[in-house]
N, C-alpha and C. Protein backbone atom coordinates (compact mmCIF):
# COMPACT_ATOMS: atom_id res chain seq x y z
N MET A 1 55.22 43.02 -40.61
CA MET A 1 54.68 43.51 -39.36
C MET A 1 55.69 43.33 -38.24
N ARG A 2 55.75 44.29 -37.42
CA ARG A 2 56.69 44.25 -36.31
C ARG A 2 56.24 43.25 -35.25
N GLY A 3 57.18 42.47 -34.74
CA GLY A 3 56.88 41.50 -33.70
C GLY A 3 56.46 40.13 -34.18
N GLU A 4 56.24 39.98 -35.49
CA GLU A 4 55.87 38.67 -36.00
C GLU A 4 57.11 37.83 -36.24
N HIS A 5 57.02 36.57 -35.93
CA HIS A 5 58.12 35.63 -36.17
C HIS A 5 57.68 34.62 -37.22
N TRP A 6 58.57 34.34 -38.13
CA TRP A 6 58.31 33.39 -39.20
C TRP A 6 59.24 32.21 -39.08
N LEU A 7 58.72 31.02 -39.30
CA LEU A 7 59.51 29.80 -39.27
C LEU A 7 59.31 29.09 -40.60
N TYR A 8 60.41 28.87 -41.31
CA TYR A 8 60.34 28.20 -42.61
C TYR A 8 60.73 26.73 -42.43
N LEU A 9 59.84 25.83 -42.85
CA LEU A 9 60.08 24.40 -42.79
C LEU A 9 60.13 23.84 -44.20
N ALA A 10 61.03 22.88 -44.41
CA ALA A 10 61.15 22.23 -45.71
C ALA A 10 60.94 20.73 -45.55
N LEU A 11 60.12 20.17 -46.42
CA LEU A 11 59.90 18.73 -46.47
C LEU A 11 60.67 18.20 -47.67
N ALA A 12 61.54 17.23 -47.44
CA ALA A 12 62.38 16.71 -48.52
C ALA A 12 62.62 15.22 -48.32
N THR A 13 63.02 14.56 -49.39
CA THR A 13 63.36 13.14 -49.32
C THR A 13 64.74 12.90 -49.91
N SER A 14 65.34 11.80 -49.50
CA SER A 14 66.60 11.31 -50.07
C SER A 14 66.42 9.81 -50.28
N LEU A 15 66.99 9.31 -51.35
CA LEU A 15 66.93 7.89 -51.63
C LEU A 15 68.32 7.29 -51.46
N GLN A 16 68.43 6.26 -50.65
CA GLN A 16 69.71 5.61 -50.37
C GLN A 16 69.70 4.20 -50.95
N TRP A 17 70.68 3.88 -51.74
CA TRP A 17 70.86 2.55 -52.32
C TRP A 17 69.62 2.04 -53.06
N ASP A 18 68.84 2.96 -53.59
CA ASP A 18 67.62 2.62 -54.33
C ASP A 18 66.64 1.75 -53.56
N GLN A 19 66.73 1.77 -52.22
CA GLN A 19 65.79 0.96 -51.45
C GLN A 19 65.31 1.61 -50.15
N TYR A 20 65.96 2.67 -49.71
CA TYR A 20 65.52 3.35 -48.48
C TYR A 20 65.26 4.82 -48.78
N CYS A 21 64.10 5.28 -48.38
CA CYS A 21 63.73 6.68 -48.57
C CYS A 21 63.73 7.36 -47.20
N ILE A 22 64.45 8.45 -47.10
CA ILE A 22 64.48 9.23 -45.86
C ILE A 22 63.61 10.46 -46.08
N VAL A 23 62.56 10.59 -45.28
CA VAL A 23 61.67 11.75 -45.34
C VAL A 23 62.09 12.67 -44.19
N ARG A 24 62.45 13.92 -44.53
CA ARG A 24 62.95 14.86 -43.53
C ARG A 24 62.11 16.13 -43.49
N ILE A 25 61.93 16.64 -42.29
CA ILE A 25 61.38 17.98 -42.10
C ILE A 25 62.49 18.79 -41.45
N SER A 26 62.83 19.90 -42.09
CA SER A 26 63.95 20.71 -41.63
C SER A 26 63.52 22.16 -41.42
N VAL A 27 64.20 22.83 -40.51
CA VAL A 27 64.07 24.27 -40.35
C VAL A 27 65.08 24.91 -41.30
N VAL A 28 64.60 25.87 -42.08
CA VAL A 28 65.50 26.60 -42.97
C VAL A 28 66.09 27.76 -42.18
N PHE A 29 67.42 27.76 -42.04
CA PHE A 29 68.10 28.76 -41.23
C PHE A 29 69.38 29.19 -41.93
N ARG A 30 69.47 30.47 -42.25
CA ARG A 30 70.65 31.04 -42.91
C ARG A 30 71.05 30.26 -44.16
N GLY A 31 70.07 29.90 -44.95
CA GLY A 31 70.33 29.22 -46.20
C GLY A 31 70.62 27.73 -46.09
N ARG A 32 70.47 27.18 -44.93
CA ARG A 32 70.70 25.75 -44.71
C ARG A 32 69.43 25.10 -44.18
N ALA A 33 69.31 23.80 -44.41
CA ALA A 33 68.19 23.02 -43.89
C ALA A 33 68.69 22.19 -42.71
N VAL A 34 68.17 22.48 -41.53
CA VAL A 34 68.57 21.78 -40.31
C VAL A 34 67.46 20.79 -39.95
N PRO A 35 67.71 19.48 -40.09
CA PRO A 35 66.65 18.49 -39.82
C PRO A 35 66.19 18.52 -38.36
N ILE A 36 64.87 18.45 -38.19
CA ILE A 36 64.31 18.37 -36.84
C ILE A 36 63.50 17.09 -36.65
N ALA A 37 63.10 16.45 -37.76
CA ALA A 37 62.36 15.18 -37.67
C ALA A 37 62.57 14.43 -38.98
N TRP A 38 62.63 13.11 -38.88
CA TRP A 38 62.80 12.31 -40.09
C TRP A 38 62.26 10.92 -39.87
N GLN A 39 62.08 10.22 -41.00
CA GLN A 39 61.54 8.88 -41.00
C GLN A 39 62.25 8.12 -42.12
N VAL A 40 62.68 6.90 -41.86
CA VAL A 40 63.32 6.07 -42.87
C VAL A 40 62.33 4.98 -43.28
N LEU A 41 62.13 4.87 -44.59
CA LEU A 41 61.17 3.91 -45.13
C LEU A 41 61.88 2.92 -46.05
N ALA A 42 61.47 1.68 -46.03
CA ALA A 42 61.91 0.72 -47.04
C ALA A 42 61.03 0.99 -48.25
N HIS A 43 61.52 1.85 -49.14
CA HIS A 43 60.70 2.39 -50.23
C HIS A 43 61.65 2.77 -51.36
N GLY A 44 61.42 2.28 -52.55
CA GLY A 44 62.35 2.46 -53.66
C GLY A 44 62.15 3.71 -54.48
N SER A 45 61.47 4.73 -53.93
CA SER A 45 61.21 5.95 -54.68
C SER A 45 61.29 7.16 -53.76
N ARG A 46 61.63 8.31 -54.33
CA ARG A 46 61.65 9.55 -53.55
C ARG A 46 60.24 10.12 -53.35
N SER A 47 59.30 9.71 -54.16
CA SER A 47 57.92 10.18 -54.05
C SER A 47 57.17 9.33 -53.03
N VAL A 48 56.53 10.00 -52.10
CA VAL A 48 55.77 9.29 -51.07
C VAL A 48 54.40 9.95 -50.93
N SER A 49 53.42 9.17 -50.55
CA SER A 49 52.05 9.69 -50.40
C SER A 49 51.90 10.41 -49.06
N TYR A 50 50.88 11.25 -49.00
CA TYR A 50 50.59 11.97 -47.77
C TYR A 50 50.35 11.01 -46.60
N ALA A 51 49.65 9.93 -46.86
CA ALA A 51 49.36 8.95 -45.80
C ALA A 51 50.65 8.40 -45.19
N THR A 52 51.71 8.36 -45.97
CA THR A 52 52.98 7.82 -45.50
C THR A 52 53.66 8.76 -44.51
N TYR A 53 53.60 10.07 -44.75
CA TYR A 53 54.33 11.01 -43.89
C TYR A 53 53.41 11.86 -43.00
N GLN A 54 52.12 11.58 -42.99
CA GLN A 54 51.18 12.34 -42.18
C GLN A 54 51.54 12.30 -40.69
N ASP A 55 51.89 11.12 -40.18
CA ASP A 55 52.25 10.98 -38.76
C ASP A 55 53.49 11.81 -38.42
N LEU A 56 54.45 11.86 -39.35
CA LEU A 56 55.66 12.67 -39.14
C LEU A 56 55.29 14.15 -39.04
N LEU A 57 54.39 14.61 -39.88
CA LEU A 57 53.93 16.00 -39.81
C LEU A 57 53.25 16.30 -38.49
N ASP A 58 52.39 15.40 -38.05
CA ASP A 58 51.66 15.60 -36.79
C ASP A 58 52.62 15.67 -35.60
N LYS A 59 53.60 14.80 -35.58
CA LYS A 59 54.58 14.81 -34.48
C LYS A 59 55.46 16.05 -34.52
N THR A 60 55.81 16.48 -35.71
CA THR A 60 56.63 17.68 -35.85
C THR A 60 55.87 18.92 -35.39
N ALA A 61 54.58 18.97 -35.68
CA ALA A 61 53.76 20.12 -35.27
C ALA A 61 53.80 20.33 -33.76
N LEU A 62 53.93 19.27 -33.01
CA LEU A 62 54.00 19.38 -31.54
C LEU A 62 55.30 20.03 -31.07
N LEU A 63 56.33 20.04 -31.92
CA LEU A 63 57.62 20.63 -31.57
C LEU A 63 57.69 22.13 -31.84
N LEU A 64 56.76 22.65 -32.61
CA LEU A 64 56.85 24.02 -33.09
C LEU A 64 56.30 25.02 -32.08
N PRO A 65 56.93 26.20 -32.02
CA PRO A 65 56.38 27.24 -31.14
C PRO A 65 55.05 27.72 -31.66
N THR A 66 54.16 28.08 -30.76
CA THR A 66 52.81 28.49 -31.16
C THR A 66 52.74 29.96 -31.56
N GLN A 67 53.74 30.74 -31.20
CA GLN A 67 53.69 32.17 -31.45
C GLN A 67 54.40 32.61 -32.73
N CYS A 68 54.44 31.76 -33.73
CA CYS A 68 55.07 32.15 -34.99
C CYS A 68 54.24 31.66 -36.18
N GLN A 69 54.45 32.30 -37.31
CA GLN A 69 53.83 31.90 -38.55
C GLN A 69 54.73 30.85 -39.21
N VAL A 70 54.16 29.77 -39.73
CA VAL A 70 54.94 28.72 -40.37
C VAL A 70 54.72 28.77 -41.88
N VAL A 71 55.82 28.76 -42.61
CA VAL A 71 55.78 28.64 -44.06
C VAL A 71 56.34 27.25 -44.37
N PHE A 72 55.52 26.43 -45.01
CA PHE A 72 55.86 25.03 -45.25
C PHE A 72 56.21 24.86 -46.72
N LEU A 73 57.42 24.37 -46.98
CA LEU A 73 57.93 24.23 -48.35
C LEU A 73 58.10 22.75 -48.69
N ALA A 74 57.69 22.39 -49.90
CA ALA A 74 57.88 21.02 -50.39
C ALA A 74 57.87 21.06 -51.91
N ASP A 75 58.47 20.08 -52.54
CA ASP A 75 58.47 20.05 -54.00
C ASP A 75 57.37 19.13 -54.52
N ARG A 76 57.30 18.98 -55.83
CA ARG A 76 56.20 18.23 -56.43
C ARG A 76 56.25 16.73 -56.15
N GLY A 77 57.34 16.23 -55.60
CA GLY A 77 57.41 14.84 -55.22
C GLY A 77 56.42 14.47 -54.13
N PHE A 78 55.85 15.48 -53.49
CA PHE A 78 54.88 15.25 -52.41
C PHE A 78 53.45 15.47 -52.87
N ALA A 79 53.24 15.64 -54.16
CA ALA A 79 51.88 15.80 -54.67
C ALA A 79 51.10 14.50 -54.44
N ASP A 80 49.95 14.63 -53.86
CA ASP A 80 49.12 13.46 -53.57
C ASP A 80 47.77 13.67 -54.23
N THR A 81 47.43 12.81 -55.14
CA THR A 81 46.17 12.98 -55.87
C THR A 81 45.04 12.15 -55.30
N ASN A 82 45.26 11.42 -54.22
CA ASN A 82 44.21 10.60 -53.62
C ASN A 82 43.42 11.36 -52.60
């Protein structure tokens, strides 16, 4: 549709030294992920529960423009069965 704007966000983690997990939310732009919000956790795994990153999502939502459609991407490491 003409005039619609789409914003692609990616949720990803990185594990540093097997003891710190970095949870990032990035804007996908021209094939690259540009971080806009992140959180560092003392956590020995790349998999984190929704309760752990919910506050990061809420804060990131306040940064987003209201006049665009958001496509949110994440891998199975963010599956939460609780």
